[in-house]
C-alpha atoms as a PDB file:
ATOM      1  CA  UNK A   1      22.947  10.190-127.374  1.00  0.00           C
ATOM      2  CA  UNK A   2      25.571   7.470-127.787  1.00  0.00           C
ATOM      3  CA  UNK A   3      26.081   3.849-126.813  1.00  0.00           C
ATOM      4  CA  UNK A   4      29.638   2.691-126.106  1.00  0.00           C
ATOM      5  CA  UNK A   5      30.086  -1.092-126.374  1.00  0.00           C
ATOM      6  CA  UNK A   6      33.217  -2.316-124.596  1.00  0.00           C
ATOM      7  CA  UNK A   7      34.578  -5.873-124.350  1.00  0.00           C
ATOM      8  CA  UNK A   8      34.984  -7.259-120.860  1.00  0.00           C
ATOM      9  CA  UNK A   9      36.591 -10.714-120.653  1.00  0.00           C
ATOM     10  CA  UNK A  10      34.547 -12.949-122.983  1.00  0.00           C
ATOM     11  CA  UNK A  11      31.410 -10.809-122.919  1.00  0.00           C
ATOM     12  CA  UNK A  12      30.468  -7.248-123.775  1.00  0.00           C
ATOM     13  CA  UNK A  13      29.131  -4.492-121.603  1.00  0.00           C
ATOM     14  CA  UNK A  14      26.973  -1.703-122.935  1.00  0.00           C
ATOM     15  CA  UNK A  15      27.649   1.694-121.399  1.00  0.00           C
ATOM     16  CA  UNK A  16      25.485   4.742-121.993  1.00  0.00           C
ATOM     17  CA  UNK A  17      27.595   7.819-122.759  1.00  0.00           C
ATOM     18  CA  UNK A  18      25.934  11.185-122.358  1.00  0.00           C
ATOM     19  CA  UNK A  19      26.477  13.535-125.280  1.00  0.00           C
ATOM     20  CA  UNK A  20      26.379  17.301-124.912  1.00  0.00           C
ATOM     21  CA  UNK A  21      24.302  19.212-127.409  1.00  0.00           C
ATOM     22  CA  UNK A  22      24.490  22.897-128.150  1.00  0.00           C
ATOM     23  CA  UNK A  23      21.262  24.730-127.372  1.00  0.00           C
ATOM     24  CA  UNK A  24      20.132  28.261-128.171  1.00  0.00           C
ATOM     25  CA  UNK A  25      17.993  30.711-126.135  1.00  0.00           C
ATOM     26  CA  UNK A  26      14.368  29.632-126.338  1.00  0.00           C
ATOM     27  CA  UNK A  27      15.167  26.040-127.300  1.00  0.00           C
ATOM     28  CA  UNK A  28      13.198  23.288-125.536  1.00  0.00           C
ATOM     29  CA  UNK A  29      15.277  21.331-123.021  1.00  0.00           C
ATOM     30  CA  UNK A  30      12.488  19.169-121.660  1.00  0.00           C
ATOM     31  CA  UNK A  31       8.820  18.514-122.388  1.00  0.00           C
ATOM     32  CA  UNK A  32       8.122  18.769-118.661  1.00  0.00           C
ATOM     33  CA  UNK A  33       8.855  21.458-116.048  1.00  0.00           C
ATOM     34  CA  UNK A  34      12.326  21.042-114.546  1.00  0.00           C
ATOM     35  CA  UNK A  35      14.510  23.120-112.251  1.00  0.00           C
ATOM     36  CA  UNK A  36      17.571  23.828-114.390  1.00  0.00           C
ATOM     37  CA  UNK A  37      19.951  26.753-114.019  1.00  0.00           C
ATOM     38  CA  UNK A  38      19.826  29.226-116.934  1.00  0.00           C
ATOM     39  CA  UNK A  39      16.418  27.901-117.998  1.00  0.00           C
ATOM     40  CA  UNK A  40      12.755  28.831-117.569  1.00  0.00           C
ATOM     41  CA  UNK A  41       9.458  26.960-117.563  1.00  0.00           C
ATOM     42  CA  UNK A  42       6.512  27.964-119.755  1.00  0.00           C
ATOM     43  CA  UNK A  43       3.288  26.012-120.325  1.00  0.00           C
ATOM     44  CA  UNK A  44       4.752  22.856-118.826  1.00  0.00           C
ATOM     45  CA  UNK A  45       7.979  22.826-120.827  1.00  0.00           C
ATOM     46  CA  UNK A  46      11.534  23.881-119.927  1.00  0.00           C
ATOM     47  CA  UNK A  47      13.463  26.264-122.191  1.00  0.00           C
ATOM     48  CA  UNK A  48      17.041  27.502-122.316  1.00  0.00           C
ATOM     49  CA  UNK A  49      17.762  31.184-121.692  1.00  0.00           C
ATOM     50  CA  UNK A  50      21.363  31.006-122.976  1.00  0.00           C
ATOM     51  CA  UNK A  51      23.627  29.554-125.628  1.00  0.00           C
ATOM     52  CA  UNK A  52      25.034  26.514-123.877  1.00  0.00           C
ATOM     53  CA  UNK A  53      25.846  22.827-123.681  1.00  0.00           C
ATOM     54  CA  UNK A  54      23.020  20.633-122.396  1.00  0.00           C
ATOM     55  CA  UNK A  55      23.281  17.070-121.121  1.00  0.00           C
ATOM     56  CA  UNK A  56      21.347  15.021-118.555  1.00  0.00           C
ATOM     57  CA  UNK A  57      19.513  17.930-116.980  1.00  0.00           C
ATOM     58  CA  UNK A  58      22.569  20.194-116.750  1.00  0.00           C
ATOM     59  CA  UNK A  59      22.996  23.339-118.821  1.00  0.00           C
ATOM     60  CA  UNK A  60      26.439  24.954-119.048  1.00  0.00           C
ATOM     61  CA  UNK A  61      26.289  28.429-120.612  1.00  0.00           C
ATOM     62  CA  UNK A  62      28.862  29.283-123.273  1.00  0.00           C
ATOM     63  CA  UNK A  63      28.049  32.980-123.359  1.00  0.00           C
ATOM     64  CA  UNK A  64      26.014  35.397-121.295  1.00  0.00           C
ATOM     65  CA  UNK A  65      26.140  38.710-119.424  1.00  0.00           C
ATOM     66  CA  UNK A  66      27.007  38.986-115.762  1.00  0.00           C
ATOM     67  CA  UNK A  67      23.970  38.935-113.455  1.00  0.00           C
ATOM     68  CA  UNK A  68      24.952  40.242-109.988  1.00  0.00           C
ATOM     69  CA  UNK A  69      23.914  38.190-106.961  1.00  0.00           C
ATOM     70  CA  UNK A  70      24.408  38.709-103.209  1.00  0.00           C
ATOM     71  CA  UNK A  71      27.694  37.262-101.892  1.00  0.00           C
ATOM     72  CA  UNK A  72      29.360  37.290-105.316  1.00  0.00           C
ATOM     73  CA  UNK A  73      33.040  38.182-105.038  1.00  0.00           C
ATOM     74  CA  UNK A  74      33.877  40.718-107.731  1.00  0.00           C
ATOM     75  CA  UNK A  75      36.754  42.731-109.130  1.00  0.00           C
ATOM     76  CA  UNK A  76      35.759  46.356-109.642  1.00  0.00           C
ATOM     77  CA  UNK A  77      37.257  49.638-110.804  1.00  0.00           C
ATOM     78  CA  UNK A  78      36.608  52.893-108.930  1.00  0.00           C
ATOM     79  CA  UNK A  79      34.722  55.040-111.447  1.00  0.00           C
ATOM     80  CA  UNK A  80      33.484  57.978-109.340  1.00  0.00           C
ATOM     81  CA  UNK A  81      34.378  59.471-105.982  1.00  0.00           C
ATOM     82  CA  UNK A  82      31.494  60.812-103.919  1.00  0.00           C
ATOM     83  CA  UNK A  83      31.197  62.356-100.462  1.00  0.00           C
ATOM     84  CA  UNK A  84      29.478  59.231 -99.135  1.00  0.00           C
ATOM     85  CA  UNK A  85      31.558  56.652-100.959  1.00  0.00           C
ATOM     86  CA  UNK A  86      32.505  55.350-104.405  1.00  0.00           C
ATOM     87  CA  UNK A  87      30.787  54.258-107.577  1.00  0.00           C
ATOM     88  CA  UNK A  88      32.392  51.074-108.865  1.00  0.00           C
ATOM     89  CA  UNK A  89      32.367  49.684-112.407  1.00  0.00           C
ATOM     90  CA  UNK A  90      31.772  45.923-112.232  1.00  0.00           C
ATOM     91  CA  UNK A  91      31.072  44.878-115.837  1.00  0.00           C
ATOM     92  CA  UNK A  92      27.298  45.257-115.765  1.00  0.00           C
ATOM     93  CA  UNK A  93      24.876  48.089-116.608  1.00  0.00           C
ATOM     94  CA  UNK A  94      23.690  48.514-113.013  1.00  0.00           C
ATOM     95  CA  UNK A  95      24.921  50.998-110.430  1.00  0.00           C
ATOM     96  CA  UNK A  96      27.236  49.605-107.765  1.00  0.00           C
ATOM     97  CA  UNK A  97      28.234  51.581-104.695  1.00  0.00           C
ATOM     98  CA  UNK A  98      30.805  51.198-101.946  1.00  0.00           C
ATOM     99  CA  UNK A  99      29.939  53.233 -98.866  1.00  0.00           C
ATOM    100  CA  UNK A 100      32.661  55.138 -97.005  1.00  0.00           C
ATOM    101  CA  UNK A 101      31.388  53.456 -93.836  1.00  0.00           C
ATOM    102  CA  UNK A 102      32.458  50.088 -95.247  1.00  0.00           C
ATOM    103  CA  UNK A 103      36.130  50.912 -95.883  1.00  0.00           C
ATOM    104  CA  UNK A 104      39.325  51.529 -93.951  1.00  0.00           C
ATOM    105  CA  UNK A 105      41.296  53.179 -96.742  1.00  0.00           C
ATOM    106  CA  UNK A 106      40.741  55.817 -99.393  1.00  0.00           C
ATOM    107  CA  UNK A 107      40.649  55.094-103.098  1.00  0.00           C
ATOM    108  CA  UNK A 108      41.511  57.053-106.228  1.00  0.00           C
ATOM    109  CA  UNK A 109      39.870  57.000-109.639  1.00  0.00           C
ATOM    110  CA  UNK A 110      40.904  53.888-111.531  1.00  0.00           C
ATOM    111  CA  UNK A 111      41.909  51.877-108.469  1.00  0.00           C
ATOM    112  CA  UNK A 112      41.071  48.174-108.660  1.00  0.00           C
ATOM    113  CA  UNK A 113      39.311  46.540-105.716  1.00  0.00           C
ATOM    114  CA  UNK A 114      38.192  43.058-104.720  1.00  0.00           C
ATOM    115  CA  UNK A 115      34.837  43.166-102.932  1.00  0.00           C
ATOM    116  CA  UNK A 116      31.680  41.250-102.065  1.00  0.00           C
ATOM    117  CA  UNK A 117      28.155  42.092-103.185  1.00  0.00           C
ATOM    118  CA  UNK A 118      26.087  42.639-100.058  1.00  0.00           C
ATOM    119  CA  UNK A 119      22.734  43.530-101.585  1.00  0.00           C
ATOM    120  CA  UNK A 120      20.984  43.813-104.957  1.00  0.00           C
ATOM    121  CA  UNK A 121      17.675  45.675-104.715  1.00  0.00           C
ATOM    122  CA  UNK A 122      14.589  45.509-106.942  1.00  0.00           C
ATOM    123  CA  UNK A 123      15.996  48.047-109.415  1.00  0.00           C
ATOM    124  CA  UNK A 124      19.394  46.302-109.509  1.00  0.00           C
ATOM    125  CA  UNK A 125      21.262  48.872-107.414  1.00  0.00           C
ATOM    126  CA  UNK A 126      24.218  47.056-105.891  1.00  0.00           C
ATOM    127  CA  UNK A 127      25.846  47.604-102.493  1.00  0.00           C
ATOM    128  CA  UNK A 128      29.432  46.425-102.033  1.00  0.00           C
ATOM    129  CA  UNK A 129      31.224  45.497 -98.791  1.00  0.00           C
ATOM    130  CA  UNK A 130      34.474  43.875 -97.591  1.00  0.00           C
ATOM    131  CA  UNK A 131      36.526  45.757-100.170  1.00  0.00           C
ATOM    132  CA  UNK A 132      40.286  45.661-100.410  1.00  0.00           C
ATOM    133  CA  UNK A 133      42.555  47.543-102.794  1.00  0.00           C
ATOM    134  CA  UNK A 134      44.383  45.424-105.343  1.00  0.00           C
ATOM    135  CA  UNK A 135      48.041  46.111-106.201  1.00  0.00           C
ATOM    136  CA  UNK A 136      49.099  47.650-109.512  1.00  0.00           C
ATOM    137  CA  UNK A 137      48.445  45.190-112.300  1.00  0.00           C
ATOM    138  CA  UNK A 138      46.445  44.486-115.425  1.00  0.00           C
ATOM    139  CA  UNK A 139      42.749  43.809-115.978  1.00  0.00           C
ATOM    140  CA  UNK A 140      41.667  40.852-118.099  1.00  0.00           C
ATOM    141  CA  UNK A 141      38.024  40.788-119.116  1.00  0.00           C
ATOM    142  CA  UNK A 142      36.516  37.360-119.838  1.00  0.00           C
ATOM    143  CA  UNK A 143      33.034  35.949-120.276  1.00  0.00           C
ATOM    144  CA  UNK A 144      31.469  35.889-116.805  1.00  0.00           C
ATOM    145  CA  UNK A 145      30.076  32.393-117.336  1.00  0.00           C
ATOM    146  CA  UNK A 146      33.655  31.076-117.759  1.00  0.00           C
ATOM    147  CA  UNK A 147      34.866  32.330-114.367  1.00  0.00           C
ATOM    148  CA  UNK A 148      33.954  29.094-112.484  1.00  0.00           C
ATOM    149  CA  UNK A 149      36.214  27.187-114.915  1.00  0.00           C
ATOM    150  CA  UNK A 150      39.044  29.689-114.419  1.00  0.00           C
ATOM    151  CA  UNK A 151      38.732  29.321-110.647  1.00  0.00           C
ATOM    152  CA  UNK A 152      38.268  25.535-110.765  1.00  0.00           C
ATOM    153  CA  UNK A 153      36.965  23.140-108.130  1.00  0.00           C
ATOM    154  CA  UNK A 154      38.177  24.236-104.694  1.00  0.00           C
ATOM    155  CA  UNK A 155      40.296  26.928-106.438  1.00  0.00           C
ATOM    156  CA  UNK A 156      42.351  24.234-108.174  1.00  0.00           C
ATOM    157  CA  UNK A 157      42.753  25.975-111.546  1.00  0.00           C
ATOM    158  CA  UNK A 158      43.526  29.453-110.250  1.00  0.00           C
ATOM    159  CA  UNK A 159      45.950  28.036-107.662  1.00  0.00           C
ATOM    160  CA  UNK A 160      47.775  26.285-110.497  1.00  0.00           C
ATOM    161  CA  UNK A 161      47.971  29.555-112.456  1.00  0.00           C
ATOM    162  CA  UNK A 162      49.323  31.425-109.424  1.00  0.00           C
ATOM    163  CA  UNK A 163      51.932  28.743-108.691  1.00  0.00           C
ATOM    164  CA  UNK A 164      53.121  28.450-112.302  1.00  0.00           C
ATOM    165  CA  UNK A 165      53.308  32.172-113.083  1.00  0.00           C
ATOM    166  CA  UNK A 166      54.228  33.672-109.712  1.00  0.00           C
ATOM    167  CA  UNK A 167      51.480  36.283-110.109  1.00  0.00           C
ATOM    168  CA  UNK A 168      48.781  37.451-107.743  1.00  0.00           C
ATOM    169  CA  UNK A 169      45.491  36.630-109.496  1.00  0.00           C
ATOM    170  CA  UNK A 170      42.034  37.702-108.339  1.00  0.00           C
ATOM    171  CA  UNK A 171      39.079  36.381-110.350  1.00  0.00           C
ATOM    172  CA  UNK A 172      35.698  38.055-109.896  1.00  0.00           C
ATOM    173  CA  UNK A 173      32.381  36.423-110.657  1.00  0.00           C
ATOM    174  CA  UNK A 174      31.656  39.468-112.810  1.00  0.00           C
ATOM    175  CA  UNK A 175      34.152  38.423-115.490  1.00  0.00           C
ATOM    176  CA  UNK A 176      37.027  40.652-114.402  1.00  0.00           C
ATOM    177  CA  UNK A 177      40.368  39.003-113.586  1.00  0.00           C
ATOM    178  CA  UNK A 178      43.135  41.112-112.035  1.00  0.00           C
ATOM    179  CA  UNK A 179      46.760  40.037-112.522  1.00  0.00           C
ATOM    180  CA  UNK A 180      49.427  41.667-110.351  1.00  0.00           C
ATOM    181  CA  UNK A 181      52.838  40.999-108.840  1.00  0.00           C
ATOM    182  CA  UNK A 182      56.285  40.399-110.303  1.00  0.00           C
ATOM    183  CA  UNK A 183      55.501  37.080-111.992  1.00  0.00           C
ATOM    184  CA  UNK A 184      54.895  36.246-115.645  1.00  0.00           C
ATOM    185  CA  UNK A 185      51.706  38.247-116.213  1.00  0.00           C
ATOM    186  CA  UNK A 186      51.757  37.640-119.970  1.00  0.00           C
ATOM    187  CA  UNK A 187      51.768  33.858-119.480  1.00  0.00           C
ATOM    188  CA  UNK A 188      49.005  34.156-116.888  1.00  0.00           C
ATOM    189  CA  UNK A 189      46.812  36.125-119.296  1.00  0.00           C
ATOM    190  CA  UNK A 190      47.448  33.706-122.175  1.00  0.00           C
ATOM    191  CA  UNK A 191      46.549  30.746-119.948  1.00  0.00           C
ATOM    192  CA  UNK A 192      43.362  32.495-118.810  1.00  0.00           C
ATOM    193  CA  UNK A 193      42.404  33.109-122.450  1.00  0.00           C
ATOM    194  CA  UNK A 194      43.057  29.441-123.162  1.00  0.00           C
ATOM    195  CA  UNK A 195      40.751  28.392-120.339  1.00  0.00           C
ATOM    196  CA  UNK A 196      38.063  30.818-121.506  1.00  0.00           C
ATOM    197  CA  UNK A 197      38.172  29.487-125.075  1.00  0.00           C
ATOM    198  CA  UNK A 198      38.194  25.814-124.070  1.00  0.00           C
ATOM    199  CA  UNK A 199      36.042  25.994-120.909  1.00  0.00           C
ATOM    200  CA  UNK A 200      33.439  23.583-122.281  1.00  0.00           C
ATOM    201  CA  UNK A 201      35.930  20.832-123.165  1.00  0.00           C
ATOM    202  CA  UNK A 202      37.126  17.867-121.122  1.00  0.00           C
ATOM    203  CA  UNK A 203      40.735  17.324-120.075  1.00  0.00           C
ATOM    204  CA  UNK A 204      41.290  21.071-119.838  1.00  0.00           C
ATOM    205  CA  UNK A 205      43.233  21.010-116.557  1.00  0.00           C
ATOM    206  CA  UNK A 206      45.877  18.675-117.990  1.00  0.00           C
ATOM    207  CA  UNK A 207      46.230  20.791-121.146  1.00  0.00           C
ATOM    208  CA  UNK A 208      46.607  24.000-119.143  1.00  0.00           C
ATOM    209  CA  UNK A 209      49.203  22.365-116.877  1.00  0.00           C
ATOM    210  CA  UNK A 210      51.164  21.214-119.934  1.00  0.00           C
ATOM    211  CA  UNK A 211      50.925  24.673-121.496  1.00  0.00           C
ATOM    212  CA  UNK A 212      52.167  26.381-118.351  1.00  0.00           C
ATOM    213  CA  UNK A 213      55.049  23.917-117.976  1.00  0.00           C
ATOM    214  CA  UNK A 214      56.102  24.333-121.608  1.00  0.00           C
ATOM    215  CA  UNK A 215      56.030  28.127-121.479  1.00  0.00           C
ATOM    216  CA  UNK A 216      57.058  28.970-117.931  1.00  0.00           C
ATOM    217  CA  UNK A 217      60.773  29.206-118.805  1.00  0.00           C
ATOM    218  CA  UNK A 218      60.323  31.330-121.932  1.00  0.00           C
END
């Protein structure tokens, strides 16, 4: 908690500045029950379930495994071909399946796809729909909790990456990012790693823009 005292004309104004604090799994966030993402309530208190930054009722995870949810858009790799469809590896320990009834094209082992999670049942079996095959490229695996920062508000960050590098970039909520096309894939991957490492910091968009500008001609 900090107080920032700033002069205004001949007087002073006192402005409260929220300060993030790092919390660990099981650490108390509040002495009362509160609805906070990545937290749970026990005996009237609210606890963190992740390593994260906490401030003013908001918890931003710094690390954590991917937890599949309906309507998540994911990048997956075809891992098994079956008569009725395909098993797809999506960076989690649960079985994901793409039915042959849901596709218009055939896939080979190792093909990359972009798809949507339609259903997650009680034993975490995952059904995929709306799949499309991704072009030849490279897979970048990042922490799943950093994907929203890589995408940015209204796709702002990923659009900047695409524009600056000339690559086709598909970011899945499962922590898989696929880079394809004839652009600067190496620069795109380095920028993505930069965002992942600095996701919890402020002013990141400006730093990434400067990095891309400085390295785009190399």
